[in-house]
């Protein structure tokens, strides 16, 4: 028998939906953390003067900025609902069952997408 590391083709591995939602929860949290300094700089610039506010407002009228804000909204809502899902799973005793895990993962995904669409429509 050969001893050594086993080759895992990560492209062919299909993760279950709860694992994908958990991974996306971590990615959205990291994205929000990395973007926070930029958001604080924009807030500071918009509050320093009328010209700064106008500059930030004009920057957000560009399609790329709107797409960035939409991605930011998705990250926020997904992180929020997946975090609530994780908190419920920690407290609720049956949350580790497969059916409950799959349903809560689907619910977190759907709620994150729906709230992103609602907020995106309200902003534009």
Protein backbone atom coordinates (compact mmCIF):
# COMPACT_ATOMS: atom_id res chain seq x y z
CA UNK A 1 0.00 0.00 0.00
CA UNK A 2 1.28 3.41 -0.99
CA UNK A 3 1.74 5.89 1.83
CA UNK A 4 1.66 9.55 1.02
CA UNK A 5 -0.72 12.37 0.39
CA UNK A 6 -3.93 11.50 -1.37
CA UNK A 7 -4.74 13.50 -4.49
CA UNK A 8 -8.02 15.38 -4.21
CA UNK A 9 -9.39 17.03 -7.31
CA UNK A 10 -11.09 20.06 -5.74
CA UNK A 11 -12.92 20.87 -8.97
CA UNK A 12 -14.80 17.58 -8.92
CA UNK A 13 -15.77 17.67 -5.24
CA UNK A 14 -19.40 18.72 -4.84
CA UNK A 15 -20.03 20.37 -1.52
CA UNK A 16 -23.52 20.21 -0.01
CA UNK A 17 -25.50 23.46 0.05
CA UNK A 18 -25.01 24.11 3.78
CA UNK A 19 -21.25 23.94 3.28
CA UNK A 20 -21.45 26.38 0.35
CA UNK A 21 -23.52 28.82 2.42
CA UNK A 22 -21.06 28.52 5.29
CA UNK A 23 -18.13 29.20 2.96
CA UNK A 24 -19.94 32.17 1.41
CA UNK A 25 -20.62 33.48 4.93
CA UNK A 26 -16.88 33.58 5.55
CA UNK A 27 -16.15 35.17 2.17
CA UNK A 28 -18.83 37.85 2.63
CA UNK A 29 -17.49 38.64 6.11
CA UNK A 30 -13.95 39.00 4.81
CA UNK A 31 -15.19 41.20 1.96
CA UNK A 32 -17.09 43.45 4.37
CA UNK A 33 -14.07 43.69 6.64
CA UNK A 34 -11.72 44.63 3.79
CA UNK A 35 -14.13 47.23 2.35
CA UNK A 36 -14.80 48.93 5.68
CA UNK A 37 -11.83 51.36 5.47
CA UNK A 38 -12.92 52.50 1.99
CA UNK A 39 -16.47 53.06 3.19
CA UNK A 40 -15.22 55.06 6.17
CA UNK A 41 -13.06 57.21 3.87
CA UNK A 42 -16.05 57.92 1.62
CA UNK A 43 -18.15 58.78 4.65
CA UNK A 44 -15.45 61.11 5.96
CA UNK A 45 -15.09 62.82 2.59
CA UNK A 46 -18.84 63.27 2.25
CA UNK A 47 -19.10 64.83 5.71
CA UNK A 48 -16.16 67.25 5.50
CA UNK A 49 -17.63 69.71 3.01
CA UNK A 50 -20.31 70.28 0.42
CA UNK A 51 -17.73 69.69 -2.34
CA UNK A 52 -16.73 66.37 -0.78
CA UNK A 53 -20.35 65.30 -0.61
CA UNK A 54 -20.87 66.25 -4.25
CA UNK A 55 -17.76 64.33 -5.28
CA UNK A 56 -18.90 61.18 -3.48
CA UNK A 57 -22.45 61.52 -4.86
CA UNK A 58 -21.10 61.93 -8.40
CA UNK A 59 -18.81 58.93 -7.95
CA UNK A 60 -21.76 56.77 -6.92
CA UNK A 61 -23.70 57.72 -10.03
CA UNK A 62 -21.30 55.64 -12.18
CA UNK A 63 -22.44 52.12 -13.09
CA UNK A 64 -19.31 50.49 -11.63
CA UNK A 65 -19.92 52.14 -8.27
CA UNK A 66 -23.53 50.98 -8.36
CA UNK A 67 -22.37 47.44 -9.09
CA UNK A 68 -19.92 47.69 -6.19
CA UNK A 69 -22.68 48.86 -3.85
CA UNK A 70 -24.89 46.01 -5.05
CA UNK A 71 -22.11 43.51 -4.26
CA UNK A 72 -21.69 45.19 -0.89
CA UNK A 73 -25.42 44.90 -0.22
CA UNK A 74 -25.38 41.22 -1.13
CA UNK A 75 -22.39 40.59 1.14
CA UNK A 76 -24.12 42.39 4.01
CA UNK A 77 -27.46 40.61 3.65
CA UNK A 78 -25.93 37.20 3.03
CA UNK A 79 -23.63 37.60 6.02
CA UNK A 80 -26.56 38.75 8.16
CA UNK A 81 -28.90 35.88 7.29
CA UNK A 82 -26.19 33.21 7.29
CA UNK A 83 -25.01 34.53 10.67
CA UNK A 84 -28.54 34.31 12.05
CA UNK A 85 -28.68 30.78 10.63
CA UNK A 86 -25.47 29.85 12.44
CA UNK A 87 -26.72 31.36 15.70
CA UNK A 88 -29.97 29.40 15.47
CA UNK A 89 -28.03 26.23 14.68
CA UNK A 90 -25.92 26.78 17.81
CA UNK A 91 -28.98 27.21 20.04
CA UNK A 92 -31.65 25.03 18.46
CA UNK A 93 -31.16 21.36 19.24
CA UNK A 94 -32.47 19.89 15.96
CA UNK A 95 -30.54 22.28 13.73
CA UNK A 96 -27.81 19.75 13.04
CA UNK A 97 -30.24 17.46 11.23
CA UNK A 98 -29.73 17.25 7.49
CA UNK A 99 -33.19 18.44 6.44
CA UNK A 100 -33.10 21.44 8.79
CA UNK A 101 -29.59 22.34 7.62
CA UNK A 102 -30.56 22.21 3.96
CA UNK A 103 -33.74 24.24 4.51
CA UNK A 104 -31.97 26.92 6.55
CA UNK A 105 -29.21 27.17 3.94
CA UNK A 106 -31.76 27.64 1.15
CA UNK A 107 -33.63 30.18 3.26
CA UNK A 108 -30.45 32.18 3.98
CA UNK A 109 -29.58 32.23 0.26
CA UNK A 110 -33.06 33.27 -0.83
CA UNK A 111 -33.45 35.95 1.84
CA UNK A 112 -30.04 37.41 1.00
CA UNK A 113 -30.84 37.61 -2.70
CA UNK A 114 -34.37 38.97 -2.18
CA UNK A 115 -33.21 41.67 0.23
CA UNK A 116 -30.39 42.63 -2.14
CA UNK A 117 -32.87 43.04 -4.99
CA UNK A 118 -35.28 45.03 -2.81
CA UNK A 119 -32.54 47.33 -1.53
CA UNK A 120 -31.03 47.67 -5.00
CA UNK A 121 -34.39 48.69 -6.50
CA UNK A 122 -34.96 51.13 -3.64
CA UNK A 123 -31.54 52.74 -4.18
CA UNK A 124 -31.87 53.12 -7.94
